[in-house]
Amino acid sequence: MAVTVRIPTTLRPMAGGASTVQVEGATLAEVIANLDAAHPGFNDRLLDENGALRKFVNLFVADDDVRYLQGLDTPVPAGETVSIIPAVAGG
């Protein structure tokens, strides 16, 4: 079940400069694991030491924030797009 992962500019060096990559996975957790296997370093950037999503990273399946769905257990249909969006802070 290949899905497209959109990579933000700040994380593109880990993906060889690519803005999108194709990985397999039926759930968001599987997509992240396969993304990290293909491009090491993504787990550390996306997940905290307990394996939960970091607070400063937003992940979307299609246009839906996974925090309002099933988190890492959110299903990712084949052909869907997962977007990694770093949180923006400032004042």
PDB file of N, CA and C in Angstrom:
ATOM      1  N   MET A   1       0.842  -1.185   0.000  1.00  0.00           N
ATOM      2  CA  MET A   1       0.000   0.000   0.000  1.00  0.00           C
ATOM      3  C   MET A   1       0.883   1.243   0.000  1.00  0.00           C
ATOM      4  N   ALA A   2       1.289   1.710  -1.164  1.00  0.00           N
ATOM      5  CA  ALA A   2       2.160   2.872  -1.250  1.00  0.00           C
ATOM      6  C   ALA A   2       1.379   4.151  -0.978  1.00  0.00           C
ATOM      7  N   VAL A   3       1.993   5.021  -0.188  1.00  0.00           N
ATOM      8  CA  VAL A   3       1.438   6.339   0.087  1.00  0.00           C
ATOM      9  C   VAL A   3       2.529   7.369  -0.195  1.00  0.00           C
ATOM     10  N   THR A   4       2.111   8.600  -0.412  1.00  0.00           N
ATOM     11  CA  THR A   4       3.041   9.702  -0.632  1.00  0.00           C
ATOM     12  C   THR A   4       3.203  10.460   0.671  1.00  0.00           C
ATOM     13  N   VAL A   5       4.437  10.735   1.046  1.00  0.00           N
ATOM     14  CA  VAL A   5       4.716  11.544   2.236  1.00  0.00           C
ATOM     15  C   VAL A   5       5.324  12.853   1.758  1.00  0.00           C
ATOM     16  N   ARG A   6       4.680  13.952   2.136  1.00  0.00           N
ATOM     17  CA  ARG A   6       5.212  15.285   1.819  1.00  0.00           C
ATOM     18  C   ARG A   6       6.193  15.681   2.916  1.00  0.00           C
ATOM     19  N   ILE A   7       7.391  16.043   2.495  1.00  0.00           N
ATOM     20  CA  ILE A   7       8.473  16.366   3.418  1.00  0.00           C
ATOM     21  C   ILE A   7       8.664  17.884   3.466  1.00  0.00           C
ATOM     22  N   PRO A   8       8.629  18.486   4.667  1.00  0.00           N
ATOM     23  CA  PRO A   8       8.864  19.933   4.738  1.00  0.00           C
ATOM     24  C   PRO A   8      10.333  20.269   4.447  1.00  0.00           C
ATOM     25  N   THR A   9      10.571  21.478   4.061  1.00  0.00           N
ATOM     26  CA  THR A   9      11.907  21.929   3.658  1.00  0.00           C
ATOM     27  C   THR A   9      12.968  21.601   4.694  1.00  0.00           C
ATOM     28  N   THR A  10      12.657  21.789   5.974  1.00  0.00           N
ATOM     29  CA  THR A  10      13.660  21.576   7.021  1.00  0.00           C
ATOM     30  C   THR A  10      14.069  20.112   7.170  1.00  0.00           C
ATOM     31  N   LEU A  11      13.237  19.191   6.731  1.00  0.00           N
ATOM     32  CA  LEU A  11      13.556  17.765   6.860  1.00  0.00           C
ATOM     33  C   LEU A  11      14.008  17.129   5.545  1.00  0.00           C
ATOM     34  N   ARG A  12      14.001  17.868   4.470  1.00  0.00           N
ATOM     35  CA  ARG A  12      14.353  17.312   3.163  1.00  0.00           C
ATOM     36  C   ARG A  12      15.774  16.767   3.070  1.00  0.00           C
ATOM     37  N   PRO A  13      16.757  17.326   3.788  1.00  0.00           N
ATOM     38  CA  PRO A  13      18.093  16.721   3.715  1.00  0.00           C
ATOM     39  C   PRO A  13      18.100  15.239   4.125  1.00  0.00           C
ATOM     40  N   MET A  14      17.228  14.843   5.034  1.00  0.00           N
ATOM     41  CA  MET A  14      17.163  13.438   5.446  1.00  0.00           C
ATOM     42  C   MET A  14      16.573  12.559   4.352  1.00  0.00           C
ATOM     43  N   ALA A  15      15.821  13.162   3.436  1.00  0.00           N
ATOM     44  CA  ALA A  15      15.191  12.423   2.329  1.00  0.00           C
ATOM     45  C   ALA A  15      15.936  12.664   1.023  1.00  0.00           C
ATOM     46  N   GLY A  16      17.202  13.023   1.118  1.00  0.00           N
ATOM     47  CA  GLY A  16      17.996  13.257  -0.087  1.00  0.00           C
ATOM     48  C   GLY A  16      17.558  14.480  -0.859  1.00  0.00           C
ATOM     49  N   GLY A  17      16.876  15.410  -0.190  1.00  0.00           N
ATOM     50  CA  GLY A  17      16.432  16.641  -0.830  1.00  0.00           C
ATOM     51  C   GLY A  17      15.055  16.548  -1.464  1.00  0.00           C
ATOM     52  N   ALA A  18      14.433  15.377  -1.399  1.00  0.00           N
ATOM     53  CA  ALA A  18      13.124  15.184  -2.035  1.00  0.00           C
ATOM     54  C   ALA A  18      12.013  15.884  -1.254  1.00  0.00           C
ATOM     55  N   SER A  19      11.059  16.441  -1.978  1.00  0.00           N
ATOM     56  CA  SER A  19       9.907  17.072  -1.340  1.00  0.00           C
ATOM     57  C   SER A  19       8.799  16.059  -1.055  1.00  0.00           C
ATOM     58  N   THR A  20       8.814  14.938  -1.759  1.00  0.00           N
ATOM     59  CA  THR A  20       7.881  13.844  -1.494  1.00  0.00           C
ATOM     60  C   THR A  20       8.629  12.522  -1.648  1.00  0.00           C
ATOM     61  N   VAL A  21       8.176  11.530  -0.896  1.00  0.00           N
ATOM     62  CA  VAL A  21       8.710  10.174  -1.031  1.00  0.00           C
ATOM     63  C   VAL A  21       7.540   9.198  -0.987  1.00  0.00           C
ATOM     64  N   GLN A  22       7.739   8.038  -1.562  1.00  0.00           N
ATOM     65  CA  GLN A  22       6.735   6.981  -1.548  1.00  0.00           C
ATOM     66  C   GLN A  22       7.178   5.919  -0.547  1.00  0.00           C
ATOM     67  N   VAL A  23       6.282   5.545   0.363  1.00  0.00           N
ATOM     68  CA  VAL A  23       6.552   4.461   1.307  1.00  0.00           C
ATOM     69  C   VAL A  23       5.299   3.605   1.443  1.00  0.00           C
ATOM     70  N   GLU A  24       5.474   2.446   2.038  1.00  0.00           N
ATOM     71  CA  GLU A  24       4.360   1.540   2.292  1.00  0.00           C
ATOM     72  C   GLU A  24       3.859   1.763   3.713  1.00  0.00           C
ATOM     73  N   GLY A  25       2.617   1.374   3.954  1.00  0.00           N
ATOM     74  CA  GLY A  25       2.077   1.419   5.304  1.00  0.00           C
ATOM     75  C   GLY A  25       0.572   1.535   5.303  1.00  0.00           C
ATOM     76  N   ALA A  26      -0.065   0.737   6.168  1.00  0.00           N
ATOM     77  CA  ALA A  26      -1.522   0.758   6.283  1.00  0.00           C
ATOM     78  C   ALA A  26      -1.986   1.707   7.377  1.00  0.00           C
ATOM     79  N   THR A  27      -1.088   2.017   8.323  1.00  0.00           N
ATOM     80  CA  THR A  27      -1.395   2.971   9.388  1.00  0.00           C
ATOM     81  C   THR A  27      -0.297   4.026   9.411  1.00  0.00           C
ATOM     82  N   LEU A  28      -0.560   5.122  10.094  1.00  0.00           N
ATOM     83  CA  LEU A  28       0.441   6.180  10.187  1.00  0.00           C
ATOM     84  C   LEU A  28       1.707   5.661  10.861  1.00  0.00           C
ATOM     85  N   ALA A  29       1.569   4.818  11.887  1.00  0.00           N
ATOM     86  CA  ALA A  29       2.745   4.255  12.562  1.00  0.00           C
ATOM     87  C   ALA A  29       3.601   3.469  11.577  1.00  0.00           C
ATOM     88  N   GLU A  30       2.975   2.667  10.713  1.00  0.00           N
ATOM     89  CA  GLU A  30       3.719   1.897   9.714  1.00  0.00           C
ATOM     90  C   GLU A  30       4.378   2.813   8.695  1.00  0.00           C
ATOM     91  N   VAL A  31       3.686   3.857   8.294  1.00  0.00           N
ATOM     92  CA  VAL A  31       4.258   4.811   7.343  1.00  0.00           C
ATOM     93  C   VAL A  31       5.505   5.460   7.934  1.00  0.00           C
ATOM     94  N   ILE A  32       5.428   5.886   9.192  1.00  0.00           N
ATOM     95  CA  ILE A  32       6.582   6.526   9.835  1.00  0.00           C
ATOM     96  C   ILE A  32       7.734   5.532   9.974  1.00  0.00           C
ATOM     97  N   ALA A  33       7.436   4.291  10.380  1.00  0.00           N
ATOM     98  CA  ALA A  33       8.481   3.276  10.523  1.00  0.00           C
ATOM     99  C   ALA A  33       9.168   3.015   9.187  1.00  0.00           C
ATOM    100  N   ASN A  34       8.393   2.905   8.117  1.00  0.00           N
ATOM    101  CA  ASN A  34       8.971   2.650   6.795  1.00  0.00           C
ATOM    102  C   ASN A  34       9.707   3.868   6.253  1.00  0.00           C
ATOM    103  N   LEU A  35       9.208   5.060   6.576  1.00  0.00           N
ATOM    104  CA  LEU A  35       9.905   6.288   6.197  1.00  0.00           C
ATOM    105  C   LEU A  35      11.272   6.338   6.869  1.00  0.00           C
ATOM    106  N   ASP A  36      11.307   5.991   8.153  1.00  0.00           N
ATOM    107  CA  ASP A  36      12.565   6.000   8.896  1.00  0.00           C
ATOM    108  C   ASP A  36      13.514   4.911   8.403  1.00  0.00           C
ATOM    109  N   ALA A  37      12.961   3.761   8.012  1.00  0.00           N
ATOM    110  CA  ALA A  37      13.810   2.686   7.480  1.00  0.00           C
ATOM    111  C   ALA A  37      14.461   3.103   6.164  1.00  0.00           C
ATOM    112  N   ALA A  38      13.714   3.806   5.326  1.00  0.00           N
ATOM    113  CA  ALA A  38      14.234   4.252   4.037  1.00  0.00           C
ATOM    114  C   ALA A  38      15.118   5.491   4.168  1.00  0.00           C
ATOM    115  N   HIS A  39      14.794   6.329   5.125  1.00  0.00           N
ATOM    116  CA  HIS A  39      15.499   7.608   5.318  1.00  0.00           C
ATOM    117  C   HIS A  39      15.705   7.809   6.823  1.00  0.00           C
ATOM    118  N   PRO A  40      16.758   7.231   7.391  1.00  0.00           N
ATOM    119  CA  PRO A  40      16.966   7.282   8.845  1.00  0.00           C
ATOM    120  C   PRO A  40      16.951   8.701   9.409  1.00  0.00           C
ATOM    121  N   GLY A  41      16.358   8.819  10.592  1.00  0.00           N
ATOM    122  CA  GLY A  41      16.306  10.094  11.303  1.00  0.00           C
ATOM    123  C   GLY A  41      14.905  10.626  11.496  1.00  0.00           C
ATOM    124  N   PHE A  42      13.946  10.130  10.714  1.00  0.00           N
ATOM    125  CA  PHE A  42      12.585  10.649  10.825  1.00  0.00           C
ATOM    126  C   PHE A  42      11.924  10.277  12.152  1.00  0.00           C
ATOM    127  N   ASN A  43      12.180   9.081  12.668  1.00  0.00           N
ATOM    128  CA  ASN A  43      11.590   8.709  13.963  1.00  0.00           C
ATOM    129  C   ASN A  43      11.966   9.715  15.031  1.00  0.00           C
ATOM    130  N   ASP A  44      13.251  10.080  15.081  1.00  0.00           N
ATOM    131  CA  ASP A  44      13.710  11.024  16.105  1.00  0.00           C
ATOM    132  C   ASP A  44      13.073  12.392  15.956  1.00  0.00           C
ATOM    133  N   ARG A  45      12.793  12.800  14.747  1.00  0.00           N
ATOM    134  CA  ARG A  45      12.201  14.116  14.502  1.00  0.00           C
ATOM    135  C   ARG A  45      10.697  14.134  14.721  1.00  0.00           C
ATOM    136  N   LEU A  46      10.014  12.994  14.485  1.00  0.00           N
ATOM    137  CA  LEU A  46       8.556  12.963  14.540  1.00  0.00           C
ATOM    138  C   LEU A  46       8.004  12.404  15.844  1.00  0.00           C
ATOM    139  N   LEU A  47       8.764  11.519  16.493  1.00  0.00           N
ATOM    140  CA  LEU A  47       8.275  10.840  17.690  1.00  0.00           C
ATOM    141  C   LEU A  47       9.143  11.177  18.897  1.00  0.00           C
ATOM    142  N   ASP A  48       8.507  11.270  20.076  1.00  0.00           N
ATOM    143  CA  ASP A  48       9.269  11.535  21.295  1.00  0.00           C
ATOM    144  C   ASP A  48       9.840  10.225  21.844  1.00  0.00           C
ATOM    145  N   GLU A  49      10.487  10.300  23.016  1.00  0.00           N
ATOM    146  CA  GLU A  49      11.139   9.126  23.602  1.00  0.00           C
ATOM    147  C   GLU A  49      10.149   8.027  24.001  1.00  0.00           C
ATOM    148  N   ASN A  50       8.865   8.367  24.110  1.00  0.00           N
ATOM    149  CA  ASN A  50       7.829   7.383  24.429  1.00  0.00           C
ATOM    150  C   ASN A  50       7.132   6.833  23.190  1.00  0.00           C
ATOM    151  N   GLY A  51       7.551   7.284  22.015  1.00  0.00           N
ATOM    152  CA  GLY A  51       6.950   6.818  20.775  1.00  0.00           C
ATOM    153  C   GLY A  51       5.687   7.562  20.377  1.00  0.00           C
ATOM    154  N   ALA A  52       5.384   8.662  21.068  1.00  0.00           N
ATOM    155  CA  ALA A  52       4.215   9.486  20.740  1.00  0.00           C
ATOM    156  C   ALA A  52       4.628  10.612  19.794  1.00  0.00           C
ATOM    157  N   LEU A  53       3.654  11.153  19.077  1.00  0.00           N
ATOM    158  CA  LEU A  53       3.940  12.282  18.184  1.00  0.00           C
ATOM    159  C   LEU A  53       4.472  13.469  18.979  1.00  0.00           C
ATOM    160  N   ARG A  54       5.509  14.096  18.468  1.00  0.00           N
ATOM    161  CA  ARG A  54       6.036  15.304  19.124  1.00  0.00           C
ATOM    162  C   ARG A  54       5.013  16.424  18.999  1.00  0.00           C
ATOM    163  N   LYS A  55       4.983  17.295  19.996  1.00  0.00           N
ATOM    164  CA  LYS A  55       3.996  18.365  20.029  1.00  0.00           C
ATOM    165  C   LYS A  55       4.222  19.424  18.960  1.00  0.00           C
ATOM    166  N   PHE A  56       5.451  19.583  18.502  1.00  0.00           N
ATOM    167  CA  PHE A  56       5.756  20.639  17.534  1.00  0.00           C
ATOM    168  C   PHE A  56       5.692  20.161  16.088  1.00  0.00           C
ATOM    169  N   VAL A  57       5.185  18.951  15.884  1.00  0.00           N
ATOM    170  CA  VAL A  57       5.033  18.413  14.536  1.00  0.00           C
ATOM    171  C   VAL A  57       3.576  18.042  14.325  1.00  0.00           C
ATOM    172  N   ASN A  58       3.007  18.485  13.228  1.00  0.00           N
ATOM    173  CA  ASN A  58       1.630  18.133  12.872  1.00  0.00           C
ATOM    174  C   ASN A  58       1.668  17.190  11.690  1.00  0.00           C
ATOM    175  N   LEU A  59       0.900  16.118  11.780  1.00  0.00           N
ATOM    176  CA  LEU A  59       0.810  15.162  10.685  1.00  0.00           C
ATOM    177  C   LEU A  59      -0.621  15.101  10.202  1.00  0.00           C
ATOM    178  N   PHE A  60      -0.765  15.104   8.889  1.00  0.00           N
ATOM    179  CA  PHE A  60      -2.084  15.067   8.266  1.00  0.00           C
ATOM    180  C   PHE A  60      -2.162  13.879   7.332  1.00  0.00           C
ATOM    181  N   VAL A  61      -3.280  13.169   7.377  1.00  0.00           N
ATOM    182  CA  VAL A  61      -3.593  12.144   6.388  1.00  0.00           C
ATOM    183  C   VAL A  61      -4.681  12.769   5.539  1.00  0.00           C
ATOM    184  N   ALA A  62      -4.403  12.930   4.258  1.00  0.00           N
ATOM    185  CA  ALA A  62      -5.245  13.738   3.369  1.00  0.00           C
ATOM    186  C   ALA A  62      -5.218  15.150   3.958  1.00  0.00           C
ATOM    187  N   ASP A  63      -6.348  15.709   4.314  1.00  0.00           N
ATOM    188  CA  ASP A  63      -6.374  17.050   4.909  1.00  0.00           C
ATOM    189  C   ASP A  63      -6.771  17.010   6.373  1.00  0.00           C
ATOM    190  N   ASP A  64      -6.682  15.841   7.006  1.00  0.00           N
ATOM    191  CA  ASP A  64      -7.150  15.673   8.382  1.00  0.00           C
ATOM    192  C   ASP A  64      -5.986  15.521   9.353  1.00  0.00           C
ATOM    193  N   ASP A  65      -5.983  16.352  10.402  1.00  0.00           N
ATOM    194  CA  ASP A  65      -4.979  16.297  11.457  1.00  0.00           C
ATOM    195  C   ASP A  65      -5.167  14.996  12.225  1.00  0.00           C
ATOM    196  N   VAL A  66      -4.114  14.170  12.302  1.00  0.00           N
ATOM    197  CA  VAL A  66      -4.235  12.857  12.942  1.00  0.00           C
ATOM    198  C   VAL A  66      -4.488  12.961  14.438  1.00  0.00           C
ATOM    199  N   ARG A  67      -4.202  14.106  15.041  1.00  0.00           N
ATOM    200  CA  ARG A  67      -4.482  14.268  16.471  1.00  0.00           C
ATOM    201  C   ARG A  67      -5.990  14.215  16.740  1.00  0.00           C
ATOM    202  N   TYR A  68      -6.780  14.534  15.730  1.00  0.00           N
ATOM    203  CA  TYR A  68      -8.238  14.487  15.866  1.00  0.00           C
ATOM    204  C   TYR A  68      -8.816  13.212  15.264  1.00  0.00           C
ATOM    205  N   LEU A  69      -7.943  12.328  14.803  1.00  0.00           N
ATOM    206  CA  LEU A  69      -8.373  11.041  14.277  1.00  0.00           C
ATOM    207  C   LEU A  69      -7.931   9.972  15.274  1.00  0.00           C
ATOM    208  N   GLN A  70      -7.111   9.054  14.842  1.00  0.00           N
ATOM    209  CA  GLN A  70      -6.662   7.969  15.708  1.00  0.00           C
ATOM    210  C   GLN A  70      -5.165   8.026  15.986  1.00  0.00           C
ATOM    211  N   GLY A  71      -4.582   9.215  15.850  1.00  0.00           N
ATOM    212  CA  GLY A  71      -3.154   9.356  16.120  1.00  0.00           C
ATOM    213  C   GLY A  71      -2.329   8.450  15.228  1.00  0.00           C
ATOM    214  N   LEU A  72      -1.383   7.744  15.826  1.00  0.00           N
ATOM    215  CA  LEU A  72      -0.507   6.857  15.056  1.00  0.00           C
ATOM    216  C   LEU A  72      -1.248   5.656  14.493  1.00  0.00           C
ATOM    217  N   ASP A  73      -2.420   5.356  15.031  1.00  0.00           N
ATOM    218  CA  ASP A  73      -3.228   4.240  14.527  1.00  0.00           C
ATOM    219  C   ASP A  73      -4.143   4.647  13.370  1.00  0.00           C
ATOM    220  N   THR A  74      -4.061   5.895  12.942  1.00  0.00           N
ATOM    221  CA  THR A  74      -4.898   6.369  11.841  1.00  0.00           C
ATOM    222  C   THR A  74      -4.623   5.557  10.581  1.00  0.00           C
ATOM    223  N   PRO A  75      -5.656   4.981   9.977  1.00  0.00           N
ATOM    224  CA  PRO A  75      -5.456   4.253   8.721  1.00  0.00           C
ATOM    225  C   PRO A  75      -5.012   5.195   7.597  1.00  0.00           C
ATOM    226  N   VAL A  76      -4.139   4.688   6.746  1.00  0.00           N
ATOM    227  CA  VAL A  76      -3.666   5.448   5.594  1.00  0.00           C
ATOM    228  C   VAL A  76      -3.959   4.610   4.348  1.00  0.00           C
ATOM    229  N   PRO A  77      -5.033   4.957   3.627  1.00  0.00           N
ATOM    230  CA  PRO A  77      -5.378   4.184   2.433  1.00  0.00           C
ATOM    231  C   PRO A  77      -4.297   4.278   1.356  1.00  0.00           C
ATOM    232  N   ALA A  78      -4.179   3.234   0.571  1.00  0.00           N
ATOM    233  CA  ALA A  78      -3.224   3.231  -0.544  1.00  0.00           C
ATOM    234  C   ALA A  78      -3.488   4.432  -1.439  1.00  0.00           C
ATOM    235  N   GLY A  79      -2.418   5.086  -1.865  1.00  0.00           N
ATOM    236  CA  GLY A  79      -2.532   6.233  -2.749  1.00  0.00           C
ATOM    237  C   GLY A  79      -2.770   7.546  -2.033  1.00  0.00           C
ATOM    238  N   GLU A  80      -2.945   7.512  -0.717  1.00  0.00           N
ATOM    239  CA  GLU A  80      -3.222   8.729   0.052  1.00  0.00           C
ATOM    240  C   GLU A  80      -1.927   9.512   0.270  1.00  0.00           C
ATOM    241  N   THR A  81      -2.072  10.747   0.732  1.00  0.00           N
ATOM    242  CA  THR A  81      -0.933  11.612   1.028  1.00  0.00           C
ATOM    243  C   THR A  81      -0.866  11.890   2.517  1.00  0.00           C
ATOM    244  N   VAL A  82       0.330  11.742   3.079  1.00  0.00           N
ATOM    245  CA  VAL A  82       0.618  12.104   4.467  1.00  0.00           C
ATOM    246  C   VAL A  82       1.492  13.348   4.408  1.00  0.00           C
ATOM    247  N   SER A  83       1.090  14.392   5.117  1.00  0.00           N
ATOM    248  CA  SER A  83       1.864  15.639   5.133  1.00  0.00           C
ATOM    249  C   SER A  83       2.458  15.865   6.504  1.00  0.00           C
ATOM    250  N   ILE A  84       3.750  16.182   6.529  1.00  0.00           N
ATOM    251  CA  ILE A  84       4.445  16.543   7.766  1.00  0.00           C
ATOM    252  C   ILE A  84       4.526  18.063   7.777  1.00  0.00           C
ATOM    253  N   ILE A  85       3.930  18.666   8.806  1.00  0.00           N
ATOM    254  CA  ILE A  85       3.898  20.128   8.900  1.00  0.00           C
ATOM    255  C   ILE A  85       4.497  20.548  10.241  1.00  0.00           C
ATOM    256  N   PRO A  86       5.684  21.152  10.240  1.00  0.00           N
ATOM    257  CA  PRO A  86       6.242  21.629  11.501  1.00  0.00           C
ATOM    258  C   PRO A  86       5.387  22.761  12.066  1.00  0.00           C
ATOM    259  N   ALA A  87       5.186  22.738  13.372  1.00  0.00           N
ATOM    260  CA  ALA A  87       4.435  23.815  14.016  1.00  0.00           C
ATOM    261  C   ALA A  87       5.255  25.105  13.949  1.00  0.00           C
ATOM    262  N   VAL A  88       4.572  26.206  13.792  1.00  0.00           N
ATOM    263  CA  VAL A  88       5.216  27.505  13.731  1.00  0.00           C
ATOM    264  C   VAL A  88       4.864  28.259  14.992  1.00  0.00           C
ATOM    265  N   ALA A  89       5.895  28.773  15.660  1.00  0.00           N
ATOM    266  CA  ALA A  89       5.677  29.522  16.891  1.00  0.00           C
ATOM    267  C   ALA A  89       6.355  30.875  16.756  1.00  0.00           C
ATOM    268  N   GLY A  90       5.924  31.768  17.530  1.00  0.00           N
ATOM    269  CA  GLY A  90       6.546  33.089  17.504  1.00  0.00           C
ATOM    270  C   GLY A  90       5.607  34.117  18.104  1.00  0.00           C
ATOM    271  N   GLY A  91       6.052  35.307  18.107  1.00  0.00           N
ATOM    272  CA  GLY A  91       5.217  36.316  18.719  1.00  0.00           C
ATOM    273  C   GLY A  91       5.342  37.640  18.029  1.00  0.00           C
TER     274      GLY A  91
END
